[in-house]
């Protein structure tokens, strides 16, 4: 998938039920994996062997570089094959879209979220 397709897929997925599907733990912290098979924007793109570890995934609450270092593997190789081939800064931006509460409301993207998505598409439509 290209970056625009991943952005669109992410928006569509979380817009179905933003408050339930976004993966925050009991303390409101974002995790790649959480209970009830919930994942953050990056977590849902990980290979099954990482997603299946749930909250026990080493580095579950860390940044992407630390996550890959903990597993001693390049981050791109942790992703399902269809999501590979994009620089880590793209994944950081996608995670920001997911994490920022002001980008979401009960209907999906807020106005600020729509503006952020449009900026992402301008940056990554190459």
N, C-alpha and C. Protein backbone atom coordinates (compact mmCIF):
# COMPACT_ATOMS: atom_id res chain seq x y z
N UNK A 1 0.85 -1.19 0.00
CA UNK A 1 0.00 0.00 0.00
C UNK A 1 0.88 1.24 0.00
N UNK A 2 0.43 2.27 -0.69
CA UNK A 2 1.18 3.52 -0.62
C UNK A 2 0.72 4.32 0.61
N UNK A 3 1.40 5.42 0.87
CA UNK A 3 1.14 6.21 2.08
C UNK A 3 -0.28 6.78 2.11
N UNK A 4 -0.76 7.25 0.97
CA UNK A 4 -2.11 7.82 0.93
C UNK A 4 -3.14 6.74 1.22
N UNK A 5 -2.95 5.57 0.68
CA UNK A 5 -3.88 4.45 0.96
C UNK A 5 -3.88 4.09 2.44
N UNK A 6 -2.71 4.11 3.06
CA UNK A 6 -2.63 3.79 4.49
C UNK A 6 -3.31 4.88 5.31
N UNK A 7 -3.11 6.13 4.96
CA UNK A 7 -3.79 7.23 5.66
C UNK A 7 -5.30 7.06 5.54
N UNK A 8 -5.79 6.85 4.32
CA UNK A 8 -7.23 6.68 4.09
C UNK A 8 -7.79 5.48 4.85
N UNK A 9 -7.06 4.38 4.82
CA UNK A 9 -7.50 3.18 5.54
C UNK A 9 -7.58 3.44 7.04
N UNK A 10 -6.60 4.15 7.56
CA UNK A 10 -6.55 4.46 9.00
C UNK A 10 -7.74 5.34 9.40
N UNK A 11 -7.99 6.37 8.62
CA UNK A 11 -9.12 7.27 8.91
C UNK A 11 -10.43 6.49 8.86
N UNK A 12 -10.61 5.69 7.84
CA UNK A 12 -11.84 4.90 7.70
C UNK A 12 -12.02 3.95 8.88
N UNK A 13 -10.95 3.26 9.26
CA UNK A 13 -11.02 2.30 10.35
C UNK A 13 -11.44 2.97 11.66
N UNK A 14 -10.73 4.01 12.05
CA UNK A 14 -11.02 4.64 13.35
C UNK A 14 -12.29 5.48 13.33
N UNK A 15 -12.73 5.91 12.17
CA UNK A 15 -13.96 6.69 12.09
C UNK A 15 -15.19 5.85 12.40
N UNK A 16 -15.07 4.54 12.29
CA UNK A 16 -16.20 3.65 12.61
C UNK A 16 -16.62 3.77 14.07
N UNK A 17 -15.68 3.98 14.96
CA UNK A 17 -15.96 4.14 16.38
C UNK A 17 -14.69 4.65 17.06
N UNK A 18 -14.40 5.94 16.90
CA UNK A 18 -13.12 6.47 17.37
C UNK A 18 -12.82 6.24 18.84
N UNK A 19 -13.81 6.36 19.68
CA UNK A 19 -13.53 6.25 21.12
C UNK A 19 -13.29 4.81 21.54
N UNK A 20 -13.90 3.86 20.87
CA UNK A 20 -13.69 2.46 21.23
C UNK A 20 -12.43 1.90 20.55
N UNK A 21 -12.25 2.18 19.28
CA UNK A 21 -11.20 1.53 18.50
C UNK A 21 -9.80 2.07 18.77
N UNK A 22 -9.68 3.33 19.13
CA UNK A 22 -8.35 3.86 19.43
C UNK A 22 -7.86 3.18 20.69
N UNK A 23 -6.61 2.73 20.68
CA UNK A 23 -6.08 1.82 21.69
C UNK A 23 -5.43 2.54 22.87
N UNK A 24 -6.22 2.90 23.84
CA UNK A 24 -5.70 3.51 25.05
C UNK A 24 -5.97 2.58 26.22
N UNK A 25 -5.02 2.53 27.15
CA UNK A 25 -5.22 1.66 28.32
C UNK A 25 -6.07 2.38 29.37
N UNK A 26 -6.19 1.75 30.50
CA UNK A 26 -7.04 2.26 31.58
C UNK A 26 -6.60 3.64 32.07
N UNK A 27 -5.31 3.96 31.91
CA UNK A 27 -4.78 5.24 32.35
C UNK A 27 -4.79 6.29 31.24
N UNK A 28 -5.30 5.92 30.07
CA UNK A 28 -5.36 6.85 28.94
C UNK A 28 -4.08 6.90 28.12
N UNK A 29 -3.15 5.97 28.37
CA UNK A 29 -1.91 5.93 27.61
C UNK A 29 -2.11 5.10 26.35
N UNK A 30 -1.50 5.55 25.27
CA UNK A 30 -1.61 4.82 24.00
C UNK A 30 -0.63 3.66 24.01
N UNK A 31 -1.07 2.55 23.44
CA UNK A 31 -0.24 1.36 23.33
C UNK A 31 -0.41 0.80 21.93
N UNK A 32 0.63 0.15 21.42
CA UNK A 32 0.49 -0.49 20.11
C UNK A 32 -0.57 -1.57 20.18
N UNK A 33 -0.58 -2.31 21.26
CA UNK A 33 -1.58 -3.35 21.50
C UNK A 33 -2.26 -3.08 22.83
N UNK A 34 -3.55 -3.39 22.88
CA UNK A 34 -4.27 -3.25 24.13
C UNK A 34 -5.24 -4.40 24.27
N UNK A 35 -6.10 -4.34 25.23
CA UNK A 35 -7.06 -5.42 25.46
C UNK A 35 -8.12 -5.43 24.35
N UNK A 36 -8.86 -6.50 24.28
CA UNK A 36 -9.95 -6.65 23.32
C UNK A 36 -9.52 -6.51 21.87
N UNK A 37 -8.27 -6.92 21.58
CA UNK A 37 -7.74 -6.89 20.22
C UNK A 37 -7.75 -5.48 19.62
N UNK A 38 -7.57 -4.47 20.46
CA UNK A 38 -7.49 -3.09 20.00
C UNK A 38 -6.03 -2.72 19.78
N UNK A 39 -5.79 -1.89 18.75
CA UNK A 39 -4.44 -1.49 18.40
C UNK A 39 -4.43 -0.02 18.00
N UNK A 40 -3.30 0.61 18.19
CA UNK A 40 -3.15 1.98 17.71
C UNK A 40 -2.94 1.94 16.20
N UNK A 41 -2.78 3.10 15.59
CA UNK A 41 -2.63 3.18 14.13
C UNK A 41 -1.45 2.35 13.64
N UNK A 42 -0.34 2.41 14.33
CA UNK A 42 0.82 1.61 13.94
C UNK A 42 0.63 0.16 14.36
N UNK A 43 0.10 -0.06 15.55
CA UNK A 43 -0.08 -1.42 16.05
C UNK A 43 -0.95 -2.29 15.16
N UNK A 44 -1.96 -1.72 14.55
CA UNK A 44 -2.84 -2.52 13.70
C UNK A 44 -2.14 -2.95 12.42
N UNK A 45 -1.01 -2.30 12.08
CA UNK A 45 -0.25 -2.62 10.87
C UNK A 45 0.89 -3.60 11.14
N UNK A 46 1.11 -3.94 12.40
CA UNK A 46 2.17 -4.88 12.74
C UNK A 46 1.83 -6.29 12.27
N UNK A 47 2.86 -7.09 12.09
CA UNK A 47 2.64 -8.50 11.76
C UNK A 47 1.89 -9.17 12.92
N UNK A 48 1.16 -10.21 12.60
CA UNK A 48 0.35 -10.91 13.59
C UNK A 48 1.17 -11.36 14.79
N UNK A 49 2.39 -11.81 14.56
CA UNK A 49 3.19 -12.32 15.68
C UNK A 49 3.45 -11.25 16.73
N UNK A 50 3.41 -9.98 16.35
CA UNK A 50 3.56 -8.88 17.32
C UNK A 50 2.20 -8.47 17.88
N UNK A 51 1.20 -8.40 17.04
CA UNK A 51 -0.14 -8.03 17.51
C UNK A 51 -0.69 -9.07 18.48
N UNK A 52 -0.39 -10.33 18.22
CA UNK A 52 -0.96 -11.40 19.05
C UNK A 52 -0.41 -11.39 20.47
N UNK A 53 0.68 -10.68 20.72
CA UNK A 53 1.24 -10.62 22.07
C UNK A 53 0.45 -9.68 22.98
N UNK A 54 -0.46 -8.94 22.37
CA UNK A 54 -1.31 -8.05 23.16
C UNK A 54 -0.48 -7.09 24.00
N UNK A 55 -0.93 -6.85 25.22
CA UNK A 55 -0.25 -5.90 26.10
C UNK A 55 1.12 -6.39 26.55
N UNK A 56 1.41 -7.69 26.31
CA UNK A 56 2.72 -8.24 26.70
C UNK A 56 3.81 -7.98 25.67
N UNK A 57 3.47 -7.30 24.59
CA UNK A 57 4.47 -6.96 23.58
C UNK A 57 5.55 -6.10 24.20
N UNK A 58 6.81 -6.54 24.11
CA UNK A 58 7.91 -5.73 24.63
C UNK A 58 7.96 -4.42 23.87
N UNK A 59 8.06 -3.31 24.59
CA UNK A 59 8.10 -2.00 23.97
C UNK A 59 6.73 -1.46 23.60
N UNK A 60 5.69 -2.05 24.15
CA UNK A 60 4.31 -1.71 23.80
C UNK A 60 3.98 -0.23 23.99
N UNK A 61 4.63 0.43 24.91
CA UNK A 61 4.35 1.84 25.20
C UNK A 61 5.48 2.77 24.76
N UNK A 62 6.44 2.24 24.03
CA UNK A 62 7.63 3.02 23.66
C UNK A 62 7.46 3.66 22.28
N UNK A 63 8.42 4.51 21.91
CA UNK A 63 8.40 5.08 20.56
C UNK A 63 8.82 4.00 19.56
N UNK A 64 8.67 4.29 18.28
CA UNK A 64 8.91 3.29 17.24
C UNK A 64 10.34 2.80 17.19
N UNK A 65 11.29 3.70 17.38
CA UNK A 65 12.70 3.31 17.36
C UNK A 65 13.00 2.36 18.50
N UNK A 66 12.50 2.68 19.68
CA UNK A 66 12.72 1.80 20.84
C UNK A 66 12.03 0.46 20.63
N UNK A 67 10.82 0.47 20.09
CA UNK A 67 10.11 -0.78 19.81
C UNK A 67 10.95 -1.69 18.93
N UNK A 68 11.49 -1.16 17.85
CA UNK A 68 12.28 -1.99 16.96
C UNK A 68 13.60 -2.41 17.61
N UNK A 69 14.21 -1.54 18.41
CA UNK A 69 15.45 -1.90 19.10
C UNK A 69 15.23 -3.02 20.11
N UNK A 70 14.13 -2.97 20.83
CA UNK A 70 13.80 -4.00 21.81
C UNK A 70 13.68 -5.37 21.13
N UNK A 71 13.15 -5.37 19.93
CA UNK A 71 12.96 -6.63 19.20
C UNK A 71 14.13 -6.96 18.28
N UNK A 72 15.14 -6.08 18.27
CA UNK A 72 16.36 -6.29 17.48
C UNK A 72 16.05 -6.57 16.01
N UNK A 73 15.15 -5.75 15.48
CA UNK A 73 14.74 -5.88 14.10
C UNK A 73 14.43 -4.49 13.56
N UNK A 74 14.71 -4.26 12.29
CA UNK A 74 14.36 -2.99 11.67
C UNK A 74 12.84 -2.83 11.72
N UNK A 75 12.37 -1.63 12.05
CA UNK A 75 10.93 -1.43 12.25
C UNK A 75 10.12 -1.90 11.06
N UNK A 76 10.56 -1.60 9.86
CA UNK A 76 9.83 -1.98 8.65
C UNK A 76 9.54 -3.48 8.62
N UNK A 77 10.44 -4.28 9.14
CA UNK A 77 10.27 -5.74 9.14
C UNK A 77 9.25 -6.21 10.19
N UNK A 78 8.85 -5.33 11.09
CA UNK A 78 7.82 -5.66 12.07
C UNK A 78 6.41 -5.50 11.50
N UNK A 79 6.32 -4.80 10.37
CA UNK A 79 5.03 -4.52 9.75
C UNK A 79 4.58 -5.67 8.86
N UNK A 80 3.28 -5.83 8.72
CA UNK A 80 2.74 -6.77 7.74
C UNK A 80 3.27 -6.34 6.37
N UNK A 81 3.56 -7.29 5.50
CA UNK A 81 4.19 -6.97 4.21
C UNK A 81 3.50 -5.85 3.41
N UNK A 82 2.19 -5.77 3.43
CA UNK A 82 1.52 -4.75 2.62
C UNK A 82 1.78 -3.33 3.10
N UNK A 83 2.28 -3.17 4.33
CA UNK A 83 2.54 -1.85 4.89
C UNK A 83 4.01 -1.45 4.82
N UNK A 84 4.86 -2.29 4.33
CA UNK A 84 6.30 -2.03 4.34
C UNK A 84 6.73 -1.05 3.25
N UNK A 85 7.92 -0.51 3.46
CA UNK A 85 8.54 0.33 2.44
C UNK A 85 8.43 1.82 2.67
N UNK A 86 7.99 2.21 3.85
CA UNK A 86 7.83 3.64 4.15
C UNK A 86 8.74 4.03 5.31
N UNK A 87 9.27 5.25 5.25
CA UNK A 87 10.18 5.70 6.29
C UNK A 87 9.47 5.84 7.63
N UNK A 88 10.25 5.81 8.66
CA UNK A 88 9.70 5.82 10.02
C UNK A 88 8.99 7.15 10.32
N UNK A 89 9.41 8.24 9.67
CA UNK A 89 8.75 9.53 9.93
C UNK A 89 7.28 9.48 9.49
N UNK A 90 6.97 8.73 8.44
CA UNK A 90 5.58 8.55 8.04
C UNK A 90 4.78 7.90 9.16
N UNK A 91 5.34 6.85 9.76
CA UNK A 91 4.63 6.13 10.83
C UNK A 91 4.47 7.00 12.07
N UNK A 92 5.44 7.85 12.34
CA UNK A 92 5.33 8.78 13.47
C UNK A 92 4.17 9.75 13.21
N UNK A 93 4.07 10.26 11.99
CA UNK A 93 2.98 11.17 11.65
C UNK A 93 1.63 10.46 11.70
N UNK A 94 1.56 9.23 11.22
CA UNK A 94 0.31 8.48 11.28
C UNK A 94 -0.10 8.25 12.73
N UNK A 95 0.89 7.97 13.57
CA UNK A 95 0.59 7.77 14.99
C UNK A 95 0.09 9.05 15.63
N UNK A 96 0.64 10.19 15.21
CA UNK A 96 0.16 11.47 15.73
C UNK A 96 -1.31 11.68 15.38
N UNK A 97 -1.68 11.34 14.15
CA UNK A 97 -3.08 11.43 13.75
C UNK A 97 -3.95 10.60 14.69
N UNK A 98 -3.52 9.42 15.00
CA UNK A 98 -4.27 8.52 15.88
C UNK A 98 -4.36 9.05 17.30
N UNK A 99 -3.23 9.54 17.82
CA UNK A 99 -3.13 9.85 19.25
C UNK A 99 -3.83 11.13 19.67
N UNK A 100 -3.86 12.11 18.82
CA UNK A 100 -4.31 13.45 19.24
C UNK A 100 -5.83 13.49 19.35
N UNK A 101 -6.31 13.64 20.56
CA UNK A 101 -7.76 13.67 20.82
C UNK A 101 -8.49 14.74 20.02
N UNK A 102 -7.82 15.87 19.81
CA UNK A 102 -8.49 16.96 19.09
C UNK A 102 -8.74 16.64 17.62
N UNK A 103 -8.15 15.58 17.11
CA UNK A 103 -8.36 15.19 15.72
C UNK A 103 -9.58 14.29 15.54
N UNK A 104 -10.22 13.92 16.63
CA UNK A 104 -11.34 12.97 16.58
C UNK A 104 -12.53 13.48 17.36
N UNK A 105 -13.71 13.08 16.92
CA UNK A 105 -14.93 13.31 17.68
C UNK A 105 -15.80 12.07 17.50
N UNK A 106 -16.99 12.08 17.99
CA UNK A 106 -17.84 10.88 17.95
C UNK A 106 -18.22 10.47 16.53
N UNK A 107 -18.08 11.37 15.57
CA UNK A 107 -18.42 11.07 14.18
C UNK A 107 -17.21 10.65 13.35
N UNK A 108 -16.03 10.70 13.91
CA UNK A 108 -14.81 10.39 13.18
C UNK A 108 -13.85 11.55 13.30
N UNK A 109 -13.31 12.00 12.17
CA UNK A 109 -12.37 13.11 12.20
C UNK A 109 -13.06 14.42 12.55
N UNK A 110 -12.40 15.19 13.38
CA UNK A 110 -12.86 16.56 13.65
C UNK A 110 -12.36 17.45 12.52
N UNK A 111 -12.70 18.73 12.57
CA UNK A 111 -12.20 19.67 11.56
C UNK A 111 -10.68 19.74 11.62
N UNK A 112 -10.13 19.78 12.84
CA UNK A 112 -8.66 19.80 12.98
C UNK A 112 -8.06 18.51 12.44
N UNK A 113 -8.72 17.40 12.65
CA UNK A 113 -8.25 16.12 12.12
C UNK A 113 -8.27 16.09 10.61
N UNK A 114 -9.33 16.61 10.03
CA UNK A 114 -9.42 16.68 8.56
C UNK A 114 -8.29 17.54 7.99
N UNK A 115 -8.01 18.66 8.66
CA UNK A 115 -6.94 19.54 8.20
C UNK A 115 -5.58 18.84 8.31
N UNK A 116 -5.37 18.10 9.39
CA UNK A 116 -4.12 17.37 9.56
C UNK A 116 -3.97 16.30 8.49
N UNK A 117 -5.04 15.58 8.20
CA UNK A 117 -5.01 14.56 7.15
C UNK A 117 -4.67 15.19 5.80
N UNK A 118 -5.24 16.33 5.50
CA UNK A 118 -4.94 17.00 4.23
C UNK A 118 -3.46 17.42 4.17
N UNK A 119 -2.92 17.88 5.29
CA UNK A 119 -1.48 18.22 5.33
C UNK A 119 -0.63 16.98 5.10
N UNK A 120 -1.01 15.86 5.76
CA UNK A 120 -0.27 14.61 5.56
C UNK A 120 -0.30 14.19 4.09
N UNK A 121 -1.45 14.30 3.47
CA UNK A 121 -1.56 13.90 2.07
C UNK A 121 -0.71 14.78 1.16
N UNK A 122 -0.62 16.07 1.47
CA UNK A 122 0.23 16.95 0.68
C UNK A 122 1.70 16.56 0.82
N UNK A 123 2.10 16.22 2.04
CA UNK A 123 3.49 15.85 2.30
C UNK A 123 3.83 14.51 1.65
N UNK A 124 2.91 13.55 1.75
CA UNK A 124 3.24 12.18 1.35
C UNK A 124 2.70 11.77 -0.02
N UNK A 125 2.10 12.66 -0.75
CA UNK A 125 1.59 12.33 -2.08
C UNK A 125 2.73 12.53 -3.09
N UNK A 126 3.67 11.61 -3.03
CA UNK A 126 4.86 11.69 -3.91
C UNK A 126 5.03 10.41 -4.68
